[in-house]
N, C-alpha and C. Protein backbone atom coordinates (compact mmCIF):
# COMPACT_ATOMS: atom_id res chain seq x y z
N MET A 1 -4.96 15.34 2.24
CA MET A 1 -5.40 14.68 2.93
C MET A 1 -4.99 13.05 2.37
N GLY A 2 -4.39 12.80 2.59
CA GLY A 2 -5.16 10.80 2.06
C GLY A 2 -5.48 9.98 3.14
N TYR A 3 -5.14 8.91 3.03
CA TYR A 3 -6.46 7.92 3.60
C TYR A 3 -5.98 6.75 4.04
N CYS A 4 -4.81 5.87 4.39
CA CYS A 4 -4.83 5.08 4.29
C CYS A 4 -5.50 3.49 4.08
N LEU A 5 -4.03 2.37 3.34
CA LEU A 5 -5.84 2.11 3.61
C LEU A 5 -4.90 0.22 4.11
N GLU A 6 -5.06 -0.43 5.05
CA GLU A 6 -4.43 -2.29 5.13
C GLU A 6 -5.13 -2.57 5.65
N MET A 7 -4.32 -3.90 4.87
CA MET A 7 -4.49 -5.93 4.83
C MET A 7 -4.26 -6.29 6.26
N SER A 8 -5.15 -7.59 6.52
CA SER A 8 -4.72 -8.42 8.09
C SER A 8 -4.94 -9.60 7.15
N THR A 9 -4.57 -10.47 7.52
CA THR A 9 -5.32 -12.15 7.66
C THR A 9 -5.98 -12.66 8.79
N GLY A 10 -6.50 -12.96 9.18
CA GLY A 10 -6.79 -14.07 10.75
C GLY A 10 -8.20 -14.66 9.97
N ASP A 11 -8.48 -14.81 12.28
CA ASP A 11 -10.38 -15.42 12.58
C ASP A 11 -11.01 -14.49 12.77
N MET A 12 -11.52 -14.60 11.32
CA MET A 12 -12.48 -13.80 11.84
C MET A 12 -14.43 -14.03 12.91
N ARG A 13 -13.78 -15.92 12.99
CA ARG A 13 -14.48 -15.78 13.71
C ARG A 13 -15.17 -15.99 14.85
N GLY A 14 -13.24 -15.89 15.36
CA GLY A 14 -12.85 -16.02 16.91
C GLY A 14 -13.58 -14.75 17.17
N VAL A 15 -13.08 -13.50 16.36
CA VAL A 15 -13.05 -12.48 16.81
C VAL A 15 -14.60 -12.09 16.90
N ILE A 16 -15.72 -12.62 16.08
CA ILE A 16 -17.47 -12.30 16.55
C ILE A 16 -17.27 -14.12 17.49
N ARG A 17 -16.66 -15.10 17.62
CA ARG A 17 -17.58 -14.93 18.64
C ARG A 17 -16.23 -14.35 20.67
N LEU A 18 -15.65 -13.68 20.10
CA LEU A 18 -15.25 -12.23 21.31
C LEU A 18 -16.52 -11.39 22.01
N LEU A 19 -16.74 -11.35 20.50
CA LEU A 19 -17.51 -9.98 20.67
C LEU A 19 -19.74 -10.29 21.29
N THR A 20 -18.99 -11.71 20.86
CA THR A 20 -20.92 -12.19 21.06
C THR A 20 -21.33 -13.46 22.30
N ALA A 21 -19.95 -13.92 22.99
CA ALA A 21 -20.08 -14.55 23.27
C ALA A 21 -21.02 -14.81 24.46
N VAL A 22 -21.83 -14.82 25.55
CA VAL A 22 -22.48 -15.33 26.84
C VAL A 22 -21.80 -15.84 28.40
N GLU A 23 -21.09 -16.31 27.81
CA GLU A 23 -20.74 -16.65 29.03
C GLU A 23 -18.61 -17.34 28.31
N ARG A 24 -18.02 -16.15 28.92
CA ARG A 24 -16.60 -16.62 28.29
C ARG A 24 -15.77 -17.18 28.30
N THR A 25 -14.57 -17.65 27.41
CA THR A 25 -13.41 -18.89 28.06
C THR A 25 -12.19 -18.43 28.68
N GLN A 26 -11.97 -18.68 29.28
CA GLN A 26 -10.92 -17.75 29.63
C GLN A 26 -10.20 -17.90 29.19
N GLU A 27 -9.91 -17.57 27.88
CA GLU A 27 -8.76 -17.59 26.69
C GLU A 27 -9.70 -16.99 26.07
N GLN A 28 -11.22 -16.49 26.23
CA GLN A 28 -11.57 -14.78 25.58
C GLN A 28 -11.34 -14.68 26.83
N GLU A 29 -10.84 -14.32 27.60
CA GLU A 29 -11.14 -13.31 28.29
C GLU A 29 -9.46 -12.68 28.26
N ARG A 30 -8.61 -13.48 28.59
CA ARG A 30 -7.44 -12.93 28.29
C ARG A 30 -7.21 -12.44 26.57
N MET A 31 -8.11 -12.69 25.13
CA MET A 31 -8.01 -11.61 24.94
C MET A 31 -8.64 -10.48 24.64
N LEU A 32 -9.57 -10.51 25.42
CA LEU A 32 -10.37 -9.58 25.63
C LEU A 32 -9.80 -7.92 26.78
N ALA A 33 -9.02 -8.78 27.82
CA ALA A 33 -8.03 -8.01 28.50
C ALA A 33 -7.68 -6.86 28.01
N ILE A 34 -6.83 -7.67 25.93
CA ILE A 34 -6.23 -7.00 25.29
C ILE A 34 -6.47 -6.17 24.44
N VAL A 35 -7.56 -6.31 23.79
CA VAL A 35 -8.33 -5.54 23.48
C VAL A 35 -8.44 -4.34 23.81
N ARG A 36 -9.47 -4.82 25.32
CA ARG A 36 -9.47 -3.50 26.55
C ARG A 36 -8.79 -2.15 26.11
N GLU A 37 -7.28 -2.80 26.51
CA GLU A 37 -6.27 -1.85 26.51
C GLU A 37 -5.38 -1.25 25.02
N ARG A 38 -6.25 -1.93 24.28
CA ARG A 38 -5.54 -1.61 22.96
C ARG A 38 -6.92 -0.25 22.43
N CYS A 39 -7.82 -0.46 22.98
CA CYS A 39 -9.15 0.13 23.08
C CYS A 39 -8.99 1.73 23.81
N ARG A 40 -8.19 1.88 25.12
CA ARG A 40 -7.67 2.58 25.73
C ARG A 40 -6.19 3.29 24.56
N LYS A 41 -6.03 2.85 24.20
CA LYS A 41 -4.58 3.98 23.16
C LYS A 41 -5.13 3.81 21.82
N ALA A 42 -6.35 3.41 21.82
CA ALA A 42 -6.68 3.74 20.84
C ALA A 42 -7.14 5.16 20.68
N ASP A 43 -7.88 5.57 22.37
CA ASP A 43 -8.55 7.10 22.93
C ASP A 43 -8.11 7.72 22.80
N ALA A 44 -6.91 7.13 23.02
CA ALA A 44 -5.13 7.97 23.87
C ALA A 44 -5.79 8.86 22.60
N ARG A 45 -4.54 8.31 21.29
CA ARG A 45 -4.17 8.16 20.53
C ARG A 45 -5.19 9.63 19.39
N LEU A 46 -5.79 9.44 19.75
CA LEU A 46 -7.47 10.44 18.64
C LEU A 46 -7.62 11.34 19.64
N ARG A 47 -7.79 11.28 21.01
CA ARG A 47 -7.87 12.82 21.94
C ARG A 47 -6.45 13.29 21.28
N GLU A 48 -5.30 12.84 21.37
CA GLU A 48 -3.51 13.83 20.88
C GLU A 48 -4.31 14.29 19.10
N ALA A 49 -5.03 14.00 18.31
CA ALA A 49 -4.57 14.11 17.37
C ALA A 49 -6.45 14.88 17.57
N GLY A 50 -6.66 14.88 18.83
CA GLY A 50 -7.74 16.16 18.76
C GLY A 50 -8.89 16.24 18.39
N SER A 51 -9.57 14.29 17.99
CA SER A 51 -10.37 13.77 17.20
C SER A 51 -11.36 13.40 18.07
N ASP A 52 -13.17 14.49 18.25
CA ASP A 52 -13.97 14.04 19.10
C ASP A 52 -15.39 13.01 19.11
N LEU A 53 -14.34 11.96 19.59
CA LEU A 53 -15.25 10.42 18.93
C LEU A 53 -16.76 11.56 18.98
N ARG A 54 -17.17 11.22 20.31
CA ARG A 54 -18.73 11.77 21.06
C ARG A 54 -19.09 10.45 22.44
N VAL A 55 -18.93 9.26 21.86
CA VAL A 55 -19.11 8.02 22.21
C VAL A 55 -17.32 7.42 22.69
N PRO A 56 -16.24 7.57 23.54
CA PRO A 56 -15.07 6.91 23.67
C PRO A 56 -15.29 5.21 22.78
N VAL A 57 -14.00 5.08 22.19
CA VAL A 57 -13.48 3.54 21.44
C VAL A 57 -13.71 2.62 22.69
N ALA A 58 -13.20 2.32 24.48
CA ALA A 58 -13.35 1.83 25.12
C ALA A 58 -14.88 1.68 25.50
N ARG A 59 -16.01 2.58 25.38
CA ARG A 59 -17.30 2.00 25.89
C ARG A 59 -17.95 1.73 24.63
N ALA A 60 -17.37 1.90 23.61
CA ALA A 60 -17.68 1.31 22.19
C ALA A 60 -17.66 -0.64 22.59
N LEU A 61 -16.60 -0.55 22.37
CA LEU A 61 -16.20 -1.80 22.38
C LEU A 61 -16.87 -2.91 23.89
N GLU A 62 -17.66 -2.18 25.12
CA GLU A 62 -18.02 -2.23 25.89
C GLU A 62 -19.74 -2.43 25.84
N GLU A 63 -20.03 -1.90 24.85
CA GLU A 63 -21.82 -2.02 24.42
C GLU A 63 -21.80 -3.00 23.03
N LEU A 64 -20.20 -3.09 22.39
CA LEU A 64 -20.36 -3.86 20.96
C LEU A 64 -20.84 -5.33 21.88
N ILE A 65 -19.79 -5.66 23.43
CA ILE A 65 -19.71 -6.56 23.34
C ILE A 65 -21.13 -6.90 24.65
N GLU A 66 -21.44 -5.88 24.81
CA GLU A 66 -23.35 -6.06 25.86
C GLU A 66 -24.34 -6.64 25.18
N GLY A 67 -24.09 -5.60 23.97
CA GLY A 67 -25.23 -5.96 22.82
C GLY A 67 -26.74 -4.98 22.94
N GLY A 68 -25.81 -4.09 23.44
CA GLY A 68 -27.72 -3.43 23.35
C GLY A 68 -27.20 -2.36 22.63
N PRO A 69 -29.03 -1.33 22.85
CA PRO A 69 -28.48 -0.43 22.19
C PRO A 69 -27.46 0.99 21.73
N PRO A 70 -27.03 1.98 21.03
CA PRO A 70 -25.56 2.33 20.58
C PRO A 70 -25.36 3.21 21.46
N SER A 71 -25.02 3.46 22.29
CA SER A 71 -24.82 5.28 22.39
C SER A 71 -25.36 6.43 21.98
N ALA A 72 -25.20 5.85 20.62
CA ALA A 72 -24.00 7.38 19.03
C ALA A 72 -24.86 6.61 18.59
N GLU A 73 -26.28 6.83 16.90
CA GLU A 73 -26.23 6.11 15.96
C GLU A 73 -25.16 6.01 14.67
N LEU A 74 -24.81 7.52 14.75
CA LEU A 74 -23.86 7.47 13.82
C LEU A 74 -22.83 8.51 14.20
N CYS A 75 -21.32 7.41 14.63
CA CYS A 75 -20.35 7.70 15.33
C CYS A 75 -19.27 6.92 15.00
N PRO A 76 -17.62 7.13 14.42
CA PRO A 76 -16.79 6.17 13.91
C PRO A 76 -16.31 5.42 15.28
N ALA A 77 -16.94 5.32 16.44
CA ALA A 77 -15.98 4.99 17.84
C ALA A 77 -16.31 2.85 17.19
N TYR A 78 -16.87 2.06 17.29
CA TYR A 78 -17.77 1.55 16.80
C TYR A 78 -16.94 0.34 16.01
N THR A 79 -17.09 1.99 14.97
CA THR A 79 -15.54 1.09 14.07
C THR A 79 -14.51 0.84 14.32
N TYR A 80 -14.02 2.04 14.79
CA TYR A 80 -13.03 1.49 16.04
C TYR A 80 -12.08 0.15 16.47
N ALA A 81 -12.95 0.06 17.26
CA ALA A 81 -13.36 -0.98 18.36
C ALA A 81 -13.32 -2.54 17.57
N PHE A 82 -14.61 -2.31 16.49
CA PHE A 82 -13.67 -3.20 16.05
C PHE A 82 -12.59 -3.18 15.02
N ARG A 83 -12.41 -2.42 14.81
CA ARG A 83 -10.73 -2.64 14.58
C ARG A 83 -9.95 -3.61 15.17
N GLU A 84 -10.05 -2.56 16.85
CA GLU A 84 -8.96 -3.21 17.10
C GLU A 84 -9.83 -4.25 18.88
N ALA A 85 -10.48 -4.93 18.08
CA ALA A 85 -10.95 -6.13 17.96
C ALA A 85 -10.49 -7.59 17.45
N VAL A 86 -10.36 -7.46 16.23
CA VAL A 86 -10.03 -8.06 15.10
C VAL A 86 -7.86 -8.50 15.55
N ALA A 87 -7.70 -7.14 15.83
CA ALA A 87 -6.54 -7.10 16.18
C ALA A 87 -5.43 -7.91 16.33
N PRO A 88 -5.64 -8.94 17.93
CA PRO A 88 -4.90 -10.25 18.06
C PRO A 88 -5.82 -12.11 17.57
N TYR A 89 -6.53 -10.91 16.84
CA TYR A 89 -7.30 -12.81 16.08
C TYR A 89 -6.08 -13.05 14.52
N PHE A 90 -5.48 -11.86 14.35
CA PHE A 90 -4.87 -11.35 12.92
C PHE A 90 -3.48 -11.03 12.02
N SER A 91 -3.02 -11.24 11.79
CA SER A 91 -1.82 -10.69 11.38
C SER A 91 -1.40 -9.03 11.27
N ASP A 92 0.54 -9.39 11.47
CA ASP A 92 0.37 -8.07 10.58
C ASP A 92 -0.18 -7.43 9.45
N VAL A 93 -0.32 -6.16 9.67
CA VAL A 93 -0.81 -5.18 8.90
C VAL A 93 0.42 -5.16 8.03
N THR A 94 -0.18 -4.88 6.59
CA THR A 94 0.16 -4.66 4.89
C THR A 94 -0.30 -3.28 4.59
N SER A 95 0.41 -2.37 4.88
CA SER A 95 0.21 -1.77 3.46
C SER A 95 0.13 -1.47 2.02
N LEU A 96 -1.78 -0.47 1.93
CA LEU A 96 -1.84 -0.50 0.74
C LEU A 96 -2.15 0.71 0.08
N GLY A 97 -0.73 1.45 0.66
CA GLY A 97 -0.54 2.66 -0.08
C GLY A 97 -1.73 4.30 0.53
N THR A 98 -1.65 4.84 0.29
CA THR A 98 -2.22 6.39 1.12
C THR A 98 -3.32 6.62 -0.20
N TRP A 99 -4.06 7.00 -1.15
CA TRP A 99 -5.42 7.48 -0.85
C TRP A 99 -6.18 9.08 -0.84
N GLN A 100 -6.35 9.50 -2.02
CA GLN A 100 -6.64 10.48 -2.33
C GLN A 100 -8.02 10.46 -2.53
N ARG A 101 -8.37 9.72 -1.99
CA ARG A 101 -10.51 9.75 -3.13
C ARG A 101 -10.48 7.89 -2.28
N PRO A 102 -10.77 7.05 -1.51
CA PRO A 102 -11.33 6.25 -1.62
C PRO A 102 -13.01 6.03 -2.69
N SER A 103 -13.07 6.45 -3.05
CA SER A 103 -13.91 6.50 -4.68
C SER A 103 -13.59 6.10 -5.27
N TRP A 104 -12.22 6.30 -5.50
CA TRP A 104 -11.45 5.99 -6.67
C TRP A 104 -11.69 4.83 -6.85
N PHE A 105 -11.63 3.36 -5.93
CA PHE A 105 -11.88 2.19 -6.40
C PHE A 105 -12.57 1.73 -6.64
N PHE A 106 -14.23 2.43 -6.51
CA PHE A 106 -15.70 2.37 -7.31
C PHE A 106 -15.56 2.14 -9.54
N ALA A 107 -14.57 2.95 -9.57
CA ALA A 107 -14.17 3.30 -11.10
C ALA A 107 -13.14 2.81 -11.13
N LEU A 108 -12.39 1.95 -10.76
CA LEU A 108 -11.43 0.46 -10.67
C LEU A 108 -12.78 -0.63 -10.83
N ASP A 109 -13.50 -0.79 -9.99
CA ASP A 109 -14.88 -1.92 -10.73
C ASP A 109 -14.73 -1.62 -11.70
N SER A 110 -15.27 -0.59 -12.17
CA SER A 110 -16.04 -0.68 -13.63
C SER A 110 -15.35 -0.96 -14.69
N GLU A 111 -13.53 -1.05 -13.91
CA GLU A 111 -12.96 -0.97 -15.18
C GLU A 111 -12.80 -2.65 -14.90
N LEU A 112 -12.39 -3.58 -13.74
CA LEU A 112 -12.34 -4.40 -14.44
C LEU A 112 -13.55 -5.09 -15.01
N ALA A 113 -14.94 -4.63 -14.21
CA ALA A 113 -15.48 -5.09 -14.35
C ALA A 113 -16.64 -4.81 -16.38
N ARG A 114 -15.82 -4.25 -16.85
CA ARG A 114 -15.70 -3.36 -18.40
C ARG A 114 -15.20 -5.26 -18.92
N HIS A 115 -14.24 -6.08 -18.42
CA HIS A 115 -13.34 -7.14 -18.87
C HIS A 115 -13.86 -7.90 -18.06
N GLY A 116 -15.14 -8.31 -17.88
CA GLY A 116 -15.07 -9.95 -17.01
C GLY A 116 -14.41 -10.75 -16.18
N VAL A 117 -14.31 -9.25 -14.99
CA VAL A 117 -14.27 -9.81 -13.17
C VAL A 117 -15.21 -9.70 -13.23
N PRO A 118 -15.27 -11.84 -12.07
CA PRO A 118 -17.37 -11.19 -10.92
C PRO A 118 -17.13 -9.95 -9.98
N ARG A 119 -18.52 -10.35 -10.08
CA ARG A 119 -18.41 -8.74 -9.66
C ARG A 119 -17.71 -8.99 -7.45
N GLU A 120 -17.49 -10.32 -7.26
CA GLU A 120 -17.87 -10.58 -5.73
C GLU A 120 -15.94 -10.63 -6.12
N VAL A 121 -15.36 -10.22 -6.52
CA VAL A 121 -14.12 -10.16 -6.21
C VAL A 121 -13.23 -8.10 -6.46
N LEU A 122 -14.96 -7.67 -7.58
CA LEU A 122 -14.40 -6.66 -7.35
C LEU A 122 -13.59 -5.60 -5.83
N PRO A 123 -13.10 -4.38 -6.16
CA PRO A 123 -12.46 -3.63 -5.37
C PRO A 123 -13.50 -3.29 -4.40
N ALA A 124 -14.01 -2.59 -4.87
CA ALA A 124 -15.33 -2.00 -4.28
C ALA A 124 -15.81 -2.38 -3.16
N THR A 125 -16.96 -3.93 -3.49
CA THR A 125 -17.73 -4.76 -3.00
C THR A 125 -16.98 -5.98 -2.21
N PHE A 126 -15.22 -5.89 -1.22
CA PHE A 126 -15.36 -6.06 -0.05
C PHE A 126 -14.82 -4.68 0.54
N LEU A 127 -13.64 -4.18 -0.04
CA LEU A 127 -13.12 -3.18 0.67
C LEU A 127 -13.66 -2.19 1.03
N PHE A 128 -15.28 -2.33 0.77
CA PHE A 128 -16.45 -1.24 1.96
C PHE A 128 -17.71 -2.05 2.54
N SER A 129 -17.35 -3.26 2.19
CA SER A 129 -18.59 -3.84 3.02
C SER A 129 -18.69 -3.50 4.28
N GLY A 130 -18.33 -3.77 4.87
CA GLY A 130 -18.07 -3.36 6.64
C GLY A 130 -17.94 -4.62 7.22
N PRO A 131 -17.88 -4.19 8.56
CA PRO A 131 -17.78 -6.09 9.43
C PRO A 131 -18.98 -7.18 9.59
N PRO A 132 -18.44 -8.30 9.77
CA PRO A 132 -20.02 -8.62 9.84
C PRO A 132 -20.55 -8.69 10.46
N LEU A 133 -20.91 -8.09 12.42
CA LEU A 133 -21.30 -7.71 12.76
C LEU A 133 -21.87 -6.29 12.75
N ARG A 134 -22.76 -6.08 12.60
CA ARG A 134 -23.31 -4.45 12.66
C ARG A 134 -23.72 -3.42 13.17
N LEU A 135 -23.14 -2.53 12.84
CA LEU A 135 -22.56 -1.42 13.79
C LEU A 135 -22.87 -0.27 12.91
N PRO A 136 -23.26 1.04 14.48
CA PRO A 136 -23.57 2.34 14.18
C PRO A 136 -22.43 2.81 12.81
N HIS A 137 -23.28 3.88 11.89
CA HIS A 137 -22.22 3.73 11.25
C HIS A 137 -21.88 4.92 11.14
N PRO A 138 -20.03 4.99 10.77
CA PRO A 138 -19.57 5.55 10.76
C PRO A 138 -19.81 8.32 11.57
N GLY A 139 -20.19 7.70 10.32
CA GLY A 139 -21.05 9.10 9.73
C GLY A 139 -19.74 9.91 8.59
N ASP A 140 -19.17 8.98 8.09
CA ASP A 140 -18.68 9.72 7.33
C ASP A 140 -18.10 8.90 6.12
N THR A 141 -16.73 8.90 5.33
CA THR A 141 -16.19 7.89 4.39
C THR A 141 -14.89 6.73 5.56
N VAL A 142 -14.89 7.25 6.08
CA VAL A 142 -13.85 6.84 6.86
C VAL A 142 -14.39 7.24 8.27
N PRO A 143 -13.25 6.58 9.01
CA PRO A 143 -12.92 4.85 8.93
C PRO A 143 -13.64 3.86 8.49
N GLN A 144 -13.59 2.77 7.81
CA GLN A 144 -14.16 1.93 6.76
C GLN A 144 -13.64 1.23 7.03
N ILE A 145 -14.09 -0.35 7.20
CA ILE A 145 -14.17 -1.55 7.52
C ILE A 145 -14.56 -2.37 5.99
N GLY A 146 -13.48 -3.44 5.60
CA GLY A 146 -14.21 -4.62 4.50
C GLY A 146 -13.55 -5.63 5.14
N VAL A 147 -13.93 -6.59 4.48
CA VAL A 147 -13.40 -8.03 4.71
C VAL A 147 -13.56 -8.89 3.71
N LEU A 148 -13.02 -9.54 3.23
CA LEU A 148 -12.38 -10.03 1.95
C LEU A 148 -12.76 -12.19 2.61
N PRO A 149 -13.76 -12.66 2.42
CA PRO A 149 -13.25 -14.23 2.51
C PRO A 149 -12.11 -15.05 2.68
N ALA A 150 -11.17 -15.41 3.16
CA ALA A 150 -9.26 -15.11 2.21
C ALA A 150 -9.42 -17.09 1.37
N GLU A 151 -10.96 -18.00 1.53
CA GLU A 151 -10.68 -18.41 -0.42
C GLU A 151 -10.95 -18.00 -1.57
N ARG A 152 -11.16 -16.50 -1.11
CA ARG A 152 -11.80 -15.80 -3.06
C ARG A 152 -10.27 -14.77 -3.27
N ALA A 153 -9.15 -15.16 -2.72
CA ALA A 153 -7.79 -14.48 -3.03
C ALA A 153 -7.41 -15.27 -4.30
N ALA A 154 -7.55 -16.27 -4.02
CA ALA A 154 -6.68 -17.70 -5.40
C ALA A 154 -7.62 -16.41 -6.79
N LEU A 155 -8.77 -17.14 -6.42
CA LEU A 155 -10.25 -15.70 -7.79
C LEU A 155 -9.85 -14.99 -7.78
N LEU A 156 -10.01 -13.59 -7.22
CA LEU A 156 -9.44 -11.82 -6.49
C LEU A 156 -7.71 -12.61 -7.68
N ALA A 157 -7.31 -13.41 -7.82
CA ALA A 157 -5.91 -13.07 -8.48
C ALA A 157 -5.16 -13.81 -9.54
N GLU A 158 -6.01 -14.53 -10.09
CA GLU A 158 -6.57 -15.48 -11.36
C GLU A 158 -6.90 -14.09 -12.76
N THR A 159 -8.08 -13.80 -11.56
CA THR A 159 -9.31 -12.47 -12.30
C THR A 159 -7.72 -12.14 -12.57
N TYR A 160 -8.21 -11.17 -11.71
CA TYR A 160 -6.88 -9.95 -12.16
C TYR A 160 -6.12 -10.06 -12.37
N GLU A 161 -5.20 -11.16 -12.85
CA GLU A 161 -4.50 -11.28 -13.64
C GLU A 161 -4.26 -11.78 -15.45
N ARG A 162 -5.11 -11.50 -15.63
CA ARG A 162 -5.34 -12.32 -16.86
C ARG A 162 -6.30 -11.29 -17.99
N VAL A 163 -6.91 -10.28 -17.32
CA VAL A 163 -7.23 -8.89 -18.14
C VAL A 163 -6.65 -7.59 -17.53
N LEU A 164 -4.86 -7.68 -17.38
CA LEU A 164 -4.34 -6.36 -16.90
C LEU A 164 -3.87 -5.68 -17.78
N SER A 165 -3.25 -7.06 -18.61
CA SER A 165 -2.91 -6.09 -20.23
C SER A 165 -4.37 -5.48 -20.49
N LEU A 166 -5.26 -5.77 -20.17
CA LEU A 166 -6.11 -4.58 -20.95
C LEU A 166 -6.83 -3.68 -20.52
N LEU A 167 -6.25 -3.21 -19.29
CA LEU A 167 -6.63 -2.25 -18.22
C LEU A 167 -5.75 -1.25 -18.68
N ASP A 168 -7.25 0.22 -18.50
CA ASP A 168 -5.89 1.69 -18.64
C ASP A 168 -4.99 1.56 -17.96
N GLU A 169 -3.71 2.60 -18.08
CA GLU A 169 -2.04 2.76 -17.21
C GLU A 169 -3.04 2.72 -15.96
N GLU A 170 -4.63 3.90 -16.22
CA GLU A 170 -4.48 4.29 -14.30
C GLU A 170 -4.57 3.47 -13.42
N PHE A 171 -5.45 1.58 -14.03
CA PHE A 171 -5.71 0.70 -12.87
C PHE A 171 -5.09 0.36 -12.88
N ALA A 172 -4.00 -0.39 -13.72
CA ALA A 172 -3.52 -1.36 -14.47
C ALA A 172 -2.56 -1.74 -12.87
N GLY A 173 -1.94 -0.87 -12.24
CA GLY A 173 -0.62 -0.61 -11.79
C GLY A 173 -1.40 -1.63 -10.26
N PRO A 174 -2.25 -0.62 -9.30
CA PRO A 174 -2.63 -1.49 -8.69
C PRO A 174 -3.26 -2.45 -8.55
N ALA A 175 -3.70 -3.06 -9.42
CA ALA A 175 -4.03 -3.95 -9.69
C ALA A 175 -3.25 -5.12 -10.05
N ARG A 176 -2.55 -5.09 -10.52
CA ARG A 176 -1.85 -5.42 -10.16
C ARG A 176 -1.49 -6.09 -8.73
N ARG A 177 -0.84 -4.69 -7.98
CA ARG A 177 -0.33 -5.25 -6.74
C ARG A 177 -1.76 -6.04 -6.36
N LEU A 178 -2.65 -5.45 -6.22
CA LEU A 178 -3.64 -6.57 -5.34
C LEU A 178 -3.45 -8.31 -5.55
N ALA A 179 -3.73 -8.21 -6.90
CA ALA A 179 -3.38 -9.20 -7.46
C ALA A 179 -2.25 -10.06 -7.10
N GLU A 180 -0.78 -9.79 -7.00
CA GLU A 180 -0.04 -10.26 -5.97
C GLU A 180 -0.71 -10.30 -4.00
N LEU A 181 -0.15 -9.07 -4.44
CA LEU A 181 -1.36 -9.52 -2.51
C LEU A 181 -2.37 -10.78 -2.38
N MET A 182 -2.71 -11.44 -3.05
CA MET A 182 -3.99 -12.19 -2.87
C MET A 182 -3.55 -13.38 -3.77
N ARG A 183 -2.46 -13.37 -4.92
CA ARG A 183 -1.55 -15.07 -5.23
C ARG A 183 -1.25 -15.27 -4.36
N PHE A 184 -0.71 -14.32 -2.66
CA PHE A 184 0.68 -14.62 -1.74
C PHE A 184 -1.01 -15.04 -0.30
N GLU A 185 -1.79 -14.26 -0.69
CA GLU A 185 -2.82 -14.59 1.10
C GLU A 185 -3.35 -16.24 0.36
N ALA A 186 -3.93 -16.61 -1.04
CA ALA A 186 -4.09 -18.04 -1.64
C ALA A 186 -3.20 -19.08 -1.14
N GLN A 187 -2.16 -18.46 -1.40
CA GLN A 187 -1.13 -19.59 -0.81
C GLN A 187 -0.79 -20.09 1.14
N GLU A 188 -1.31 -18.44 1.51
CA GLU A 188 -1.77 -18.73 3.08
C GLU A 188 -2.14 -19.36 3.64
N TRP A 189 -2.79 -19.17 2.90
CA TRP A 189 -4.99 -20.19 2.88
C TRP A 189 -4.82 -21.82 2.42
N GLU A 190 -4.44 -21.91 1.68
CA GLU A 190 -3.71 -23.42 1.70
C GLU A 190 -3.22 -23.57 2.91
N THR A 191 -2.12 -23.19 3.33
CA THR A 191 -1.28 -23.47 4.01
C THR A 191 -2.04 -24.16 5.88
N ALA A 192 -2.89 -22.34 5.79
CA ALA A 192 -3.00 -22.34 7.14
C ALA A 192 -4.22 -23.82 6.50
N ARG A 193 -5.10 -23.80 5.95
CA ARG A 193 -5.66 -25.18 5.48
C ARG A 193 -5.18 -26.11 6.33
N ARG A 194 -4.52 -26.53 5.69
CA ARG A 194 -3.26 -28.40 6.20
C ARG A 194 -2.70 -27.65 7.29
N LEU A 195 -2.54 -26.53 7.88
CA LEU A 195 -2.31 -27.15 9.13
C LEU A 195 -3.43 -27.20 10.19
N GLY A 196 -4.37 -26.38 9.37
CA GLY A 196 -5.45 -26.81 10.88
C GLY A 196 -5.98 -25.37 11.22
N ARG A 197 -4.96 -24.44 10.61
CA ARG A 197 -5.20 -23.14 11.15
C ARG A 197 -6.66 -22.59 10.80
N ARG A 198 -7.16 -21.23 11.11
CA ARG A 198 -9.10 -21.18 10.85
C ARG A 198 -8.80 -19.62 10.50
N ASP A 199 -7.65 -19.55 9.95
CA ASP A 199 -7.54 -17.87 9.23
C ASP A 199 -7.84 -18.02 7.89
N ASP A 200 -9.65 -17.35 7.66
CA ASP A 200 -10.50 -17.25 7.21
C ASP A 200 -10.78 -16.31 6.30
N SER A 201 -10.42 -15.73 6.87
CA SER A 201 -10.98 -13.69 6.20
C SER A 201 -9.20 -13.01 6.63
N ILE A 202 -9.88 -12.02 4.71
CA ILE A 202 -9.02 -10.49 4.60
C ILE A 202 -9.32 -9.74 5.55
N PHE A 203 -9.46 -9.09 5.88
CA PHE A 203 -9.51 -7.61 6.60
C PHE A 203 -8.73 -6.83 6.20
N PHE A 204 -9.63 -5.42 5.68
CA PHE A 204 -9.61 -3.91 4.90
C PHE A 204 -9.89 -2.60 5.65
N TRP A 205 -9.20 -2.27 6.08
CA TRP A 205 -9.53 -1.14 7.11
C TRP A 205 -8.63 0.71 5.87
N PHE A 206 -9.50 1.29 6.30
CA PHE A 206 -9.82 2.78 5.72
C PHE A 206 -9.62 3.51 6.14
N GLY A 207 -8.44 4.33 7.04
CA GLY A 207 -8.80 4.97 7.72
C GLY A 207 -7.94 6.28 7.98
């Protein structure tokens, strides 16, 4: 069994405003309708897969919006709901492959850190950072959310590229892939800034 790792880029501030607004704008109401429908579809997919989350994803979304205590302290539904809230504000997802052990990225961390890569761009630091809102723990290793500020993409690309030739073979390929993706995202972030867009975050999903 493997776990899929995906990433997308977009406006995390817009997501947070949607989930925490006291009075939503007309545009936020439109976006919320999209998110609610996505959560209903997520529930249908999970039921078909035989998953019992205890709390439906659609209900978890409403609880996040209401801001009250969650129905469950250990439940992945809130993580799924946050993912569906992110989707309309972010780009299409890019697959980063299937991984047998998400914990492998901690070994990659150690290898990169050994060669001087700063902590703020080590993979496990952002792949498993969690969302910018406090959610109930999913209760297992996955699903897992990570967020990297888009402004750090250039630093990640530069530091990884500098040490690629020094890495053990096991780590060089994944590090190169991340460096290539972040080099592209750094360019996209600069373009977005010039155009006045608010694509401030790179969102990661392990599930």
